[in-house]
Amino acid sequence: MRFASWNVGTLTSKSINVGTLTSKSIDLVKASHRHKVNIAYIQETKWVESKAREVYGFKLWYSGDTRARNGVTILLDKELTDQVVEVRRKSDSIMSIKLVAGAEVLNVICVYTP
């Protein structure tokens, strides 16, 4: 299993509404696929809302309060997506996902501190 952590600076674009897929988010998924990353922690996305989206076989869970700062995302490949049993969004800087794989439980925690 491969993990990655990226501070992307922003995944928003002024020409695209917040919450829609941007070319930056698609590039992020393509990079994860190219480097065979199973779980990625992404900080400073600056997406507003707390939602989940599917992009090219990966699933992004994200949490954000304001477009101007913070925002965290956890990206999982398709094989792990079905093993998610819990998603907790504590704030625009902290979120976690619990996975159950066989007899193993994996808590994935993404934290951003400016």
PDB file of N, CA and C in Angstrom:
ATOM      1  N   MET A   1       0.849  -1.165   0.000  1.00  0.00           N
ATOM      2  CA  MET A   1       0.000   0.000   0.000  1.00  0.00           C
ATOM      3  C   MET A   1       0.903   1.239   0.000  1.00  0.00           C
ATOM      4  N   ARG A   2       0.559   2.216  -0.846  1.00  0.00           N
ATOM      5  CA  ARG A   2       1.350   3.436  -0.958  1.00  0.00           C
ATOM      6  C   ARG A   2       0.548   4.635  -0.461  1.00  0.00           C
ATOM      7  N   PHE A   3       1.226   5.468   0.331  1.00  0.00           N
ATOM      8  CA  PHE A   3       0.628   6.671   0.882  1.00  0.00           C
ATOM      9  C   PHE A   3       1.349   7.896   0.323  1.00  0.00           C
ATOM     10  N   ALA A   4       0.632   9.018   0.251  1.00  0.00           N
ATOM     11  CA  ALA A   4       1.238  10.279  -0.173  1.00  0.00           C
ATOM     12  C   ALA A   4       0.575  11.412   0.593  1.00  0.00           C
ATOM     13  N   SER A   5       1.328  12.475   0.800  1.00  0.00           N
ATOM     14  CA  SER A   5       0.799  13.672   1.422  1.00  0.00           C
ATOM     15  C   SER A   5       1.224  14.860   0.582  1.00  0.00           C
ATOM     16  N   TRP A   6       0.238  15.683   0.192  1.00  0.00           N
ATOM     17  CA  TRP A   6       0.528  16.847  -0.647  1.00  0.00           C
ATOM     18  C   TRP A   6      -0.152  18.077  -0.087  1.00  0.00           C
ATOM     19  N   ASN A   7       0.593  19.181  -0.052  1.00  0.00           N
ATOM     20  CA  ASN A   7       0.003  20.483   0.207  1.00  0.00           C
ATOM     21  C   ASN A   7      -0.107  21.136  -1.160  1.00  0.00           C
ATOM     22  N   VAL A   8      -1.310  21.225  -1.677  1.00  0.00           N
ATOM     23  CA  VAL A   8      -1.498  21.652  -3.059  1.00  0.00           C
ATOM     24  C   VAL A   8      -1.646  23.153  -3.220  1.00  0.00           C
ATOM     25  N   GLY A   9      -1.774  23.893  -2.127  1.00  0.00           N
ATOM     26  CA  GLY A   9      -1.929  25.335  -2.239  1.00  0.00           C
ATOM     27  C   GLY A   9      -3.361  25.737  -2.526  1.00  0.00           C
ATOM     28  N   THR A  10      -3.988  25.127  -3.511  1.00  0.00           N
ATOM     29  CA  THR A  10      -5.400  25.332  -3.808  1.00  0.00           C
ATOM     30  C   THR A  10      -5.837  24.364  -4.902  1.00  0.00           C
ATOM     31  N   LEU A  11      -7.072  23.945  -4.848  1.00  0.00           N
ATOM     32  CA  LEU A  11      -7.665  23.153  -5.929  1.00  0.00           C
ATOM     33  C   LEU A  11      -8.817  23.910  -6.562  1.00  0.00           C
ATOM     34  N   THR A  12      -8.949  25.186  -6.206  1.00  0.00           N
ATOM     35  CA  THR A  12     -10.040  25.971  -6.760  1.00  0.00           C
ATOM     36  C   THR A  12      -9.568  26.742  -7.978  1.00  0.00           C
ATOM     37  N   SER A  13     -10.533  27.178  -8.749  1.00  0.00           N
ATOM     38  CA  SER A  13     -10.257  27.987  -9.928  1.00  0.00           C
ATOM     39  C   SER A  13     -11.340  29.050 -10.023  1.00  0.00           C
ATOM     40  N   LYS A  14     -10.963  30.282 -10.320  1.00  0.00           N
ATOM     41  CA  LYS A  14     -11.944  31.363 -10.378  1.00  0.00           C
ATOM     42  C   LYS A  14     -12.952  31.159 -11.497  1.00  0.00           C
ATOM     43  N   SER A  15     -12.584  30.421 -12.532  1.00  0.00           N
ATOM     44  CA  SER A  15     -13.496  30.230 -13.653  1.00  0.00           C
ATOM     45  C   SER A  15     -14.433  29.038 -13.456  1.00  0.00           C
ATOM     46  N   ILE A  16     -14.237  28.269 -12.402  1.00  0.00           N
ATOM     47  CA  ILE A  16     -15.051  27.083 -12.148  1.00  0.00           C
ATOM     48  C   ILE A  16     -15.663  27.211 -10.758  1.00  0.00           C
ATOM     49  N   ASN A  17     -16.911  26.856 -10.609  1.00  0.00           N
ATOM     50  CA  ASN A  17     -17.580  26.944  -9.321  1.00  0.00           C
ATOM     51  C   ASN A  17     -16.921  26.038  -8.301  1.00  0.00           C
ATOM     52  N   VAL A  18     -16.912  26.464  -7.054  1.00  0.00           N
ATOM     53  CA  VAL A  18     -16.369  25.644  -5.973  1.00  0.00           C
ATOM     54  C   VAL A  18     -17.205  24.377  -5.865  1.00  0.00           C
ATOM     55  N   GLY A  19     -16.561  23.256  -5.643  1.00  0.00           N
ATOM     56  CA  GLY A  19     -17.265  21.991  -5.507  1.00  0.00           C
ATOM     57  C   GLY A  19     -17.309  21.197  -6.800  1.00  0.00           C
ATOM     58  N   THR A  20     -17.007  21.813  -7.928  1.00  0.00           N
ATOM     59  CA  THR A  20     -16.943  21.072  -9.176  1.00  0.00           C
ATOM     60  C   THR A  20     -15.515  20.614  -9.392  1.00  0.00           C
ATOM     61  N   LEU A  21     -15.349  19.673 -10.275  1.00  0.00           N
ATOM     62  CA  LEU A  21     -14.009  19.177 -10.548  1.00  0.00           C
ATOM     63  C   LEU A  21     -13.223  20.212 -11.321  1.00  0.00           C
ATOM     64  N   THR A  22     -12.020  20.439 -10.895  1.00  0.00           N
ATOM     65  CA  THR A  22     -11.138  21.363 -11.593  1.00  0.00           C
ATOM     66  C   THR A  22     -10.056  20.565 -12.296  1.00  0.00           C
ATOM     67  N   SER A  23      -9.379  21.210 -13.206  1.00  0.00           N
ATOM     68  CA  SER A  23      -8.283  20.524 -13.882  1.00  0.00           C
ATOM     69  C   SER A  23      -7.202  20.152 -12.877  1.00  0.00           C
ATOM     70  N   LYS A  24      -7.060  20.933 -11.808  1.00  0.00           N
ATOM     71  CA  LYS A  24      -6.065  20.613 -10.779  1.00  0.00           C
ATOM     72  C   LYS A  24      -6.415  19.324 -10.040  1.00  0.00           C
ATOM     73  N   SER A  25      -7.691  19.131  -9.730  1.00  0.00           N
ATOM     74  CA  SER A  25      -8.078  17.900  -9.033  1.00  0.00           C
ATOM     75  C   SER A  25      -7.925  16.692  -9.943  1.00  0.00           C
ATOM     76  N   ILE A  26      -8.202  16.862 -11.219  1.00  0.00           N
ATOM     77  CA  ILE A  26      -8.010  15.762 -12.167  1.00  0.00           C
ATOM     78  C   ILE A  26      -6.521  15.439 -12.296  1.00  0.00           C
ATOM     79  N   ASP A  27      -5.671  16.464 -12.341  1.00  0.00           N
ATOM     80  CA  ASP A  27      -4.219  16.252 -12.379  1.00  0.00           C
ATOM     81  C   ASP A  27      -3.734  15.515 -11.136  1.00  0.00           C
ATOM     82  N   LEU A  28      -4.310  15.844  -9.985  1.00  0.00           N
ATOM     83  CA  LEU A  28      -3.944  15.189  -8.734  1.00  0.00           C
ATOM     84  C   LEU A  28      -4.276  13.697  -8.777  1.00  0.00           C
ATOM     85  N   VAL A  29      -5.451  13.363  -9.286  1.00  0.00           N
ATOM     86  CA  VAL A  29      -5.854  11.963  -9.409  1.00  0.00           C
ATOM     87  C   VAL A  29      -4.956  11.232 -10.406  1.00  0.00           C
ATOM     88  N   LYS A  30      -4.658  11.874 -11.514  1.00  0.00           N
ATOM     89  CA  LYS A  30      -3.770  11.253 -12.507  1.00  0.00           C
ATOM     90  C   LYS A  30      -2.379  11.013 -11.931  1.00  0.00           C
ATOM     91  N   ALA A  31      -1.865  11.945 -11.143  1.00  0.00           N
ATOM     92  CA  ALA A  31      -0.555  11.765 -10.502  1.00  0.00           C
ATOM     93  C   ALA A  31      -0.604  10.617  -9.503  1.00  0.00           C
ATOM     94  N   SER A  32      -1.699  10.503  -8.761  1.00  0.00           N
ATOM     95  CA  SER A  32      -1.842   9.395  -7.808  1.00  0.00           C
ATOM     96  C   SER A  32      -1.857   8.060  -8.537  1.00  0.00           C
ATOM     97  N   HIS A  33      -2.555   8.008  -9.640  1.00  0.00           N
ATOM     98  CA  HIS A  33      -2.600   6.779 -10.434  1.00  0.00           C
ATOM     99  C   HIS A  33      -1.216   6.450 -11.016  1.00  0.00           C
ATOM    100  N   ARG A  34      -0.563   7.446 -11.551  1.00  0.00           N
ATOM    101  CA  ARG A  34       0.761   7.245 -12.157  1.00  0.00           C
ATOM    102  C   ARG A  34       1.787   6.733 -11.144  1.00  0.00           C
ATOM    103  N   HIS A  35       1.722   7.246  -9.916  1.00  0.00           N
ATOM    104  CA  HIS A  35       2.676   6.852  -8.872  1.00  0.00           C
ATOM    105  C   HIS A  35       2.163   5.699  -8.008  1.00  0.00           C
ATOM    106  N   LYS A  36       1.026   5.131  -8.399  1.00  0.00           N
ATOM    107  CA  LYS A  36       0.421   3.982  -7.722  1.00  0.00           C
ATOM    108  C   LYS A  36       0.150   4.252  -6.238  1.00  0.00           C
ATOM    109  N   VAL A  37      -0.375   5.453  -5.967  1.00  0.00           N
ATOM    110  CA  VAL A  37      -0.733   5.847  -4.606  1.00  0.00           C
ATOM    111  C   VAL A  37      -2.125   5.309  -4.301  1.00  0.00           C
ATOM    112  N   ASN A  38      -2.256   4.633  -3.166  1.00  0.00           N
ATOM    113  CA  ASN A  38      -3.552   4.105  -2.746  1.00  0.00           C
ATOM    114  C   ASN A  38      -4.326   5.094  -1.873  1.00  0.00           C
ATOM    115  N   ILE A  39      -3.592   5.802  -1.013  1.00  0.00           N
ATOM    116  CA  ILE A  39      -4.204   6.771  -0.108  1.00  0.00           C
ATOM    117  C   ILE A  39      -3.372   8.045  -0.144  1.00  0.00           C
ATOM    118  N   ALA A  40      -4.039   9.173  -0.392  1.00  0.00           N
ATOM    119  CA  ALA A  40      -3.342  10.462  -0.398  1.00  0.00           C
ATOM    120  C   ALA A  40      -4.030  11.418   0.567  1.00  0.00           C
ATOM    121  N   TYR A  41      -3.212  12.133   1.319  1.00  0.00           N
ATOM    122  CA  TYR A  41      -3.673  13.178   2.217  1.00  0.00           C
ATOM    123  C   TYR A  41      -3.376  14.500   1.515  1.00  0.00           C
ATOM    124  N   ILE A  42      -4.386  15.321   1.327  1.00  0.00           N
ATOM    125  CA  ILE A  42      -4.204  16.558   0.575  1.00  0.00           C
ATOM    126  C   ILE A  42      -4.644  17.725   1.455  1.00  0.00           C
ATOM    127  N   GLN A  43      -3.742  18.681   1.622  1.00  0.00           N
ATOM    128  CA  GLN A  43      -4.026  19.827   2.470  1.00  0.00           C
ATOM    129  C   GLN A  43      -4.105  21.105   1.642  1.00  0.00           C
ATOM    130  N   GLU A  44      -4.822  22.077   2.214  1.00  0.00           N
ATOM    131  CA  GLU A  44      -4.995  23.419   1.658  1.00  0.00           C
ATOM    132  C   GLU A  44      -5.716  23.399   0.306  1.00  0.00           C
ATOM    133  N   THR A  45      -6.775  22.592   0.241  1.00  0.00           N
ATOM    134  CA  THR A  45      -7.547  22.501  -0.997  1.00  0.00           C
ATOM    135  C   THR A  45      -8.432  23.718  -1.220  1.00  0.00           C
ATOM    136  N   LYS A  46      -8.868  24.342  -0.142  1.00  0.00           N
ATOM    137  CA  LYS A  46      -9.733  25.528  -0.192  1.00  0.00           C
ATOM    138  C   LYS A  46     -11.086  25.255  -0.853  1.00  0.00           C
ATOM    139  N   TRP A  47     -11.554  24.007  -0.786  1.00  0.00           N
ATOM    140  CA  TRP A  47     -12.903  23.689  -1.239  1.00  0.00           C
ATOM    141  C   TRP A  47     -13.866  23.954  -0.094  1.00  0.00           C
ATOM    142  N   VAL A  48     -15.023  24.484  -0.416  1.00  0.00           N
ATOM    143  CA  VAL A  48     -16.054  24.743   0.580  1.00  0.00           C
ATOM    144  C   VAL A  48     -17.011  23.558   0.585  1.00  0.00           C
ATOM    145  N   GLU A  49     -17.534  23.227   1.734  1.00  0.00           N
ATOM    146  CA  GLU A  49     -18.489  22.134   1.960  1.00  0.00           C
ATOM    147  C   GLU A  49     -17.770  20.868   2.414  1.00  0.00           C
ATOM    148  N   SER A  50     -18.563  19.895   2.765  1.00  0.00           N
ATOM    149  CA  SER A  50     -18.077  18.582   3.178  1.00  0.00           C
ATOM    150  C   SER A  50     -18.797  17.550   2.336  1.00  0.00           C
ATOM    151  N   LYS A  51     -18.103  17.041   1.346  1.00  0.00           N
ATOM    152  CA  LYS A  51     -18.715  16.113   0.399  1.00  0.00           C
ATOM    153  C   LYS A  51     -17.728  15.044  -0.022  1.00  0.00           C
ATOM    154  N   ALA A  52     -18.190  14.210  -0.949  1.00  0.00           N
ATOM    155  CA  ALA A  52     -17.336  13.194  -1.566  1.00  0.00           C
ATOM    156  C   ALA A  52     -17.604  13.213  -3.066  1.00  0.00           C
ATOM    157  N   ARG A  53     -16.559  12.963  -3.839  1.00  0.00           N
ATOM    158  CA  ARG A  53     -16.672  12.927  -5.299  1.00  0.00           C
ATOM    159  C   ARG A  53     -15.840  11.778  -5.840  1.00  0.00           C
ATOM    160  N   GLU A  54     -16.300  11.208  -6.937  1.00  0.00           N
ATOM    161  CA  GLU A  54     -15.521  10.193  -7.638  1.00  0.00           C
ATOM    162  C   GLU A  54     -14.878  10.824  -8.859  1.00  0.00           C
ATOM    163  N   VAL A  55     -13.600  10.513  -9.048  1.00  0.00           N
ATOM    164  CA  VAL A  55     -12.842  11.047 -10.176  1.00  0.00           C
ATOM    165  C   VAL A  55     -11.957   9.941 -10.726  1.00  0.00           C
ATOM    166  N   TYR A  56     -12.241   9.490 -11.925  1.00  0.00           N
ATOM    167  CA  TYR A  56     -11.405   8.505 -12.622  1.00  0.00           C
ATOM    168  C   TYR A  56     -10.998   7.312 -11.745  1.00  0.00           C
ATOM    169  N   GLY A  57     -11.941   6.730 -11.038  1.00  0.00           N
ATOM    170  CA  GLY A  57     -11.653   5.538 -10.243  1.00  0.00           C
ATOM    171  C   GLY A  57     -11.134   5.828  -8.849  1.00  0.00           C
ATOM    172  N   PHE A  58     -10.956   7.064  -8.490  1.00  0.00           N
ATOM    173  CA  PHE A  58     -10.562   7.439  -7.141  1.00  0.00           C
ATOM    174  C   PHE A  58     -11.742   8.148  -6.489  1.00  0.00           C
ATOM    175  N   LYS A  59     -11.767   8.147  -5.154  1.00  0.00           N
ATOM    176  CA  LYS A  59     -12.803   8.869  -4.448  1.00  0.00           C
ATOM    177  C   LYS A  59     -12.135   9.894  -3.541  1.00  0.00           C
ATOM    178  N   LEU A  60     -12.658  11.122  -3.587  1.00  0.00           N
ATOM    179  CA  LEU A  60     -12.154  12.210  -2.760  1.00  0.00           C
ATOM    180  C   LEU A  60     -13.196  12.568  -1.717  1.00  0.00           C
ATOM    181  N   TRP A  61     -12.814  12.515  -0.443  1.00  0.00           N
ATOM    182  CA  TRP A  61     -13.655  13.028   0.627  1.00  0.00           C
ATOM    183  C   TRP A  61     -13.011  14.329   1.062  1.00  0.00           C
ATOM    184  N   TYR A  62     -13.797  15.391   1.155  1.00  0.00           N
ATOM    185  CA  TYR A  62     -13.184  16.665   1.514  1.00  0.00           C
ATOM    186  C   TYR A  62     -14.017  17.429   2.529  1.00  0.00           C
ATOM    187  N   SER A  63     -13.331  18.353   3.197  1.00  0.00           N
ATOM    188  CA  SER A  63     -13.954  19.176   4.215  1.00  0.00           C
ATOM    189  C   SER A  63     -13.342  20.564   4.167  1.00  0.00           C
ATOM    190  N   GLY A  64     -14.190  21.580   4.107  1.00  0.00           N
ATOM    191  CA  GLY A  64     -13.706  22.953   4.090  1.00  0.00           C
ATOM    192  C   GLY A  64     -14.799  23.905   4.508  1.00  0.00           C
ATOM    193  N   ASP A  65     -14.409  25.021   5.135  1.00  0.00           N
ATOM    194  CA  ASP A  65     -15.370  26.013   5.596  1.00  0.00           C
ATOM    195  C   ASP A  65     -15.376  27.272   4.737  1.00  0.00           C
ATOM    196  N   THR A  66     -14.196  27.746   4.379  1.00  0.00           N
ATOM    197  CA  THR A  66     -14.109  28.971   3.592  1.00  0.00           C
ATOM    198  C   THR A  66     -13.177  28.758   2.412  1.00  0.00           C
ATOM    199  N   ARG A  67     -13.450  29.458   1.343  1.00  0.00           N
ATOM    200  CA  ARG A  67     -12.631  29.331   0.143  1.00  0.00           C
ATOM    201  C   ARG A  67     -11.255  29.983   0.316  1.00  0.00           C
ATOM    202  N   ALA A  68     -11.130  30.852   1.284  1.00  0.00           N
ATOM    203  CA  ALA A  68      -9.907  31.625   1.454  1.00  0.00           C
ATOM    204  C   ALA A  68      -8.784  30.868   2.163  1.00  0.00           C
ATOM    205  N   ARG A  69      -9.116  29.795   2.889  1.00  0.00           N
ATOM    206  CA  ARG A  69      -8.054  29.120   3.643  1.00  0.00           C
ATOM    207  C   ARG A  69      -8.405  27.662   3.953  1.00  0.00           C
ATOM    208  N   ASN A  70      -7.373  26.927   4.337  1.00  0.00           N
ATOM    209  CA  ASN A  70      -7.472  25.552   4.818  1.00  0.00           C
ATOM    210  C   ASN A  70      -8.136  24.598   3.826  1.00  0.00           C
ATOM    211  N   GLY A  71      -8.793  23.595   4.342  1.00  0.00           N
ATOM    212  CA  GLY A  71      -9.428  22.566   3.529  1.00  0.00           C
ATOM    213  C   GLY A  71      -8.555  21.329   3.439  1.00  0.00           C
ATOM    214  N   VAL A  72      -9.138  20.180   3.760  1.00  0.00           N
ATOM    215  CA  VAL A  72      -8.411  18.909   3.689  1.00  0.00           C
ATOM    216  C   VAL A  72      -9.202  17.903   2.855  1.00  0.00           C
ATOM    217  N   THR A  73      -8.475  16.994   2.232  1.00  0.00           N
ATOM    218  CA  THR A  73      -9.072  15.967   1.390  1.00  0.00           C
ATOM    219  C   THR A  73      -8.331  14.665   1.613  1.00  0.00           C
ATOM    220  N   ILE A  74      -9.067  13.572   1.631  1.00  0.00           N
ATOM    221  CA  ILE A  74      -8.453  12.238   1.613  1.00  0.00           C
ATOM    222  C   ILE A  74      -8.895  11.576   0.327  1.00  0.00           C
ATOM    223  N   LEU A  75      -7.936  11.102  -0.423  1.00  0.00           N
ATOM    224  CA  LEU A  75      -8.183  10.469  -1.711  1.00  0.00           C
ATOM    225  C   LEU A  75      -7.863   8.984  -1.593  1.00  0.00           C
ATOM    226  N   LEU A  76      -8.791   8.128  -2.015  1.00  0.00           N
ATOM    227  CA  LEU A  76      -8.594   6.675  -1.974  1.00  0.00           C
ATOM    228  C   LEU A  76      -8.763   6.084  -3.359  1.00  0.00           C
ATOM    229  N   ASP A  77      -7.977   5.049  -3.650  1.00  0.00           N
ATOM    230  CA  ASP A  77      -8.183   4.357  -4.927  1.00  0.00           C
ATOM    231  C   ASP A  77      -9.447   3.508  -4.847  1.00  0.00           C
ATOM    232  N   LYS A  78      -9.899   3.064  -5.992  1.00  0.00           N
ATOM    233  CA  LYS A  78     -11.186   2.365  -6.094  1.00  0.00           C
ATOM    234  C   LYS A  78     -11.251   1.112  -5.224  1.00  0.00           C
ATOM    235  N   GLU A  79     -10.156   0.378  -5.117  1.00  0.00           N
ATOM    236  CA  GLU A  79     -10.160  -0.870  -4.349  1.00  0.00           C
ATOM    237  C   GLU A  79     -10.403  -0.638  -2.860  1.00  0.00           C
ATOM    238  N   LEU A  80     -10.003   0.507  -2.343  1.00  0.00           N
ATOM    239  CA  LEU A  80     -10.190   0.793  -0.921  1.00  0.00           C
ATOM    240  C   LEU A  80     -11.515   1.478  -0.625  1.00  0.00           C
ATOM    241  N   THR A  81     -12.123   2.081  -1.611  1.00  0.00           N
ATOM    242  CA  THR A  81     -13.357   2.843  -1.418  1.00  0.00           C
ATOM    243  C   THR A  81     -14.470   1.994  -0.793  1.00  0.00           C
ATOM    244  N   ASP A  82     -14.607   0.768  -1.218  1.00  0.00           N
ATOM    245  CA  ASP A  82     -15.657  -0.106  -0.698  1.00  0.00           C
ATOM    246  C   ASP A  82     -15.413  -0.542   0.745  1.00  0.00           C
ATOM    247  N   GLN A  83     -14.208  -0.332   1.249  1.00  0.00           N
ATOM    248  CA  GLN A  83     -13.864  -0.757   2.603  1.00  0.00           C
ATOM    249  C   GLN A  83     -14.049   0.345   3.643  1.00  0.00           C
ATOM    250  N   VAL A  84     -14.501   1.520   3.213  1.00  0.00           N
ATOM    251  CA  VAL A  84     -14.725   2.639   4.129  1.00  0.00           C
ATOM    252  C   VAL A  84     -15.988   2.387   4.945  1.00  0.00           C
ATOM    253  N   VAL A  85     -15.850   2.476   6.264  1.00  0.00           N
ATOM    254  CA  VAL A  85     -16.996   2.273   7.144  1.00  0.00           C
ATOM    255  C   VAL A  85     -17.383   3.547   7.899  1.00  0.00           C
ATOM    256  N   GLU A  86     -16.472   4.533   7.926  1.00  0.00           N
ATOM    257  CA  GLU A  86     -16.786   5.756   8.657  1.00  0.00           C
ATOM    258  C   GLU A  86     -15.945   6.922   8.121  1.00  0.00           C
ATOM    259  N   VAL A  87     -16.589   8.086   8.012  1.00  0.00           N
ATOM    260  CA  VAL A  87     -15.905   9.323   7.626  1.00  0.00           C
ATOM    261  C   VAL A  87     -16.246  10.366   8.674  1.00  0.00           C
ATOM    262  N   ARG A  88     -15.222  10.984   9.259  1.00  0.00           N
ATOM    263  CA  ARG A  88     -15.439  12.033  10.263  1.00  0.00           C
ATOM    264  C   ARG A  88     -14.761  13.314   9.807  1.00  0.00           C
ATOM    265  N   ARG A  89     -15.542  14.357   9.739  1.00  0.00           N
ATOM    266  CA  ARG A  89     -15.014  15.678   9.386  1.00  0.00           C
ATOM    267  C   ARG A  89     -15.082  16.544  10.636  1.00  0.00           C
ATOM    268  N   LYS A  90     -13.966  16.738  11.276  1.00  0.00           N
ATOM    269  CA  LYS A  90     -13.904  17.509  12.522  1.00  0.00           C
ATOM    270  C   LYS A  90     -13.952  19.010  12.244  1.00  0.00           C
ATOM    271  N   SER A  91     -13.239  19.463  11.202  1.00  0.00           N
ATOM    272  CA  SER A  91     -13.189  20.881  10.854  1.00  0.00           C
ATOM    273  C   SER A  91     -12.630  21.005   9.447  1.00  0.00           C
ATOM    274  N   ASP A  92     -12.305  22.234   9.050  1.00  0.00           N
ATOM    275  CA  ASP A  92     -11.689  22.425   7.738  1.00  0.00           C
ATOM    276  C   ASP A  92     -10.207  22.078   7.750  1.00  0.00           C
ATOM    277  N   SER A  93      -9.702  21.610   8.907  1.00  0.00           N
ATOM    278  CA  SER A  93      -8.293  21.231   9.033  1.00  0.00           C
ATOM    279  C   SER A  93      -8.070  19.793   9.468  1.00  0.00           C
ATOM    280  N   ILE A  94      -9.138  19.101   9.863  1.00  0.00           N
ATOM    281  CA  ILE A  94      -8.992  17.728  10.372  1.00  0.00           C
ATOM    282  C   ILE A  94     -10.130  16.858   9.852  1.00  0.00           C
ATOM    283  N   MET A  95      -9.784  15.714   9.294  1.00  0.00           N
ATOM    284  CA  MET A  95     -10.788  14.716   8.938  1.00  0.00           C
ATOM    285  C   MET A  95     -10.155  13.334   9.002  1.00  0.00           C
ATOM    286  N   SER A  96     -10.994  12.322   9.165  1.00  0.00           N
ATOM    287  CA  SER A  96     -10.485  10.946   9.218  1.00  0.00           C
ATOM    288  C   SER A  96     -11.447  10.003   8.516  1.00  0.00           C
ATOM    289  N   ILE A  97     -10.883   8.897   8.076  1.00  0.00           N
ATOM    290  CA  ILE A  97     -11.646   7.833   7.442  1.00  0.00           C
ATOM    291  C   ILE A  97     -11.223   6.517   8.076  1.00  0.00           C
ATOM    292  N   LYS A  98     -12.199   5.676   8.379  1.00  0.00           N
ATOM    293  CA  LYS A  98     -11.912   4.348   8.928  1.00  0.00           C
ATOM    294  C   LYS A  98     -12.173   3.310   7.844  1.00  0.00           C
ATOM    295  N   LEU A  99     -11.190   2.434   7.624  1.00  0.00           N
ATOM    296  CA  LEU A  99     -11.292   1.349   6.648  1.00  0.00           C
ATOM    297  C   LEU A  99     -11.217   0.020   7.377  1.00  0.00           C
ATOM    298  N   VAL A 100     -11.984  -0.947   6.911  1.00  0.00           N
ATOM    299  CA  VAL A 100     -11.883  -2.303   7.437  1.00  0.00           C
ATOM    300  C   VAL A 100     -11.487  -3.211   6.280  1.00  0.00           C
ATOM    301  N   ALA A 101     -10.304  -3.787   6.388  1.00  0.00           N
ATOM    302  CA  ALA A 101      -9.788  -4.701   5.368  1.00  0.00           C
ATOM    303  C   ALA A 101      -9.535  -6.046   6.025  1.00  0.00           C
ATOM    304  N   GLY A 102     -10.474  -6.953   5.845  1.00  0.00           N
ATOM    305  CA  GLY A 102     -10.354  -8.256   6.494  1.00  0.00           C
ATOM    306  C   GLY A 102     -10.459  -8.085   7.997  1.00  0.00           C
ATOM    307  N   ALA A 103      -9.435  -8.535   8.720  1.00  0.00           N
ATOM    308  CA  ALA A 103      -9.414  -8.420  10.175  1.00  0.00           C
ATOM    309  C   ALA A 103      -8.727  -7.131  10.631  1.00  0.00           C
ATOM    310  N   GLU A 104      -8.210  -6.350   9.706  1.00  0.00           N
ATOM    311  CA  GLU A 104      -7.475  -5.132  10.038  1.00  0.00           C
ATOM    312  C   GLU A 104      -8.366  -3.894   9.936  1.00  0.00           C
ATOM    313  N   VAL A 105      -8.164  -2.963  10.872  1.00  0.00           N
ATOM    314  CA  VAL A 105      -8.842  -1.669  10.849  1.00  0.00           C
ATOM    315  C   VAL A 105      -7.776  -0.603  10.666  1.00  0.00           C
ATOM    316  N   LEU A 106      -7.983   0.277   9.700  1.00  0.00           N
ATOM    317  CA  LEU A 106      -7.025   1.337   9.393  1.00  0.00           C
ATOM    318  C   LEU A 106      -7.723   2.679   9.557  1.00  0.00           C
ATOM    319  N   ASN A 107      -7.181   3.529  10.437  1.00  0.00           N
ATOM    320  CA  ASN A 107      -7.692   4.883  10.601  1.00  0.00           C
ATOM    321  C   ASN A 107      -6.774   5.830   9.843  1.00  0.00           C
ATOM    322  N   VAL A 108      -7.326   6.496   8.850  1.00  0.00           N
ATOM    323  CA  VAL A 108      -6.588   7.424   8.010  1.00  0.00           C
ATOM    324  C   VAL A 108      -6.965   8.826   8.484  1.00  0.00           C
ATOM    325  N   ILE A 109      -5.981   9.610   8.922  1.00  0.00           N
ATOM    326  CA  ILE A 109      -6.240  10.937   9.468  1.00  0.00           C
ATOM    327  C   ILE A 109      -5.459  11.975   8.673  1.00  0.00           C
ATOM    328  N   CYS A 110      -6.154  13.011   8.229  1.00  0.00           N
ATOM    329  CA  CYS A 110      -5.529  14.106   7.480  1.00  0.00           C
ATOM    330  C   CYS A 110      -5.658  15.378   8.334  1.00  0.00           C
ATOM    331  N   VAL A 111      -4.520  16.016   8.615  1.00  0.00           N
ATOM    332  CA  VAL A 111      -4.497  17.228   9.421  1.00  0.00           C
ATOM    333  C   VAL A 111      -3.705  18.294   8.701  1.00  0.00           C
ATOM    334  N   TYR A 112      -4.222  19.508   8.681  1.00  0.00           N
ATOM    335  CA  TYR A 112      -3.503  20.644   8.085  1.00  0.00           C
ATOM    336  C   TYR A 112      -3.323  21.712   9.142  1.00  0.00           C
ATOM    337  N   THR A 113      -2.086  22.143   9.344  1.00  0.00           N
ATOM    338  CA  THR A 113      -1.801  23.239  10.263  1.00  0.00           C
ATOM    339  C   THR A 113      -0.969  24.276   9.527  1.00  0.00           C
ATOM    340  N   PRO A 114      -1.514  25.464   9.331  1.00  0.00           N
ATOM    341  CA  PRO A 114      -0.758  26.518   8.625  1.00  0.00           C
ATOM    342  C   PRO A 114       0.455  26.973   9.412  1.00  0.00           C
TER     343      PRO A 114
END
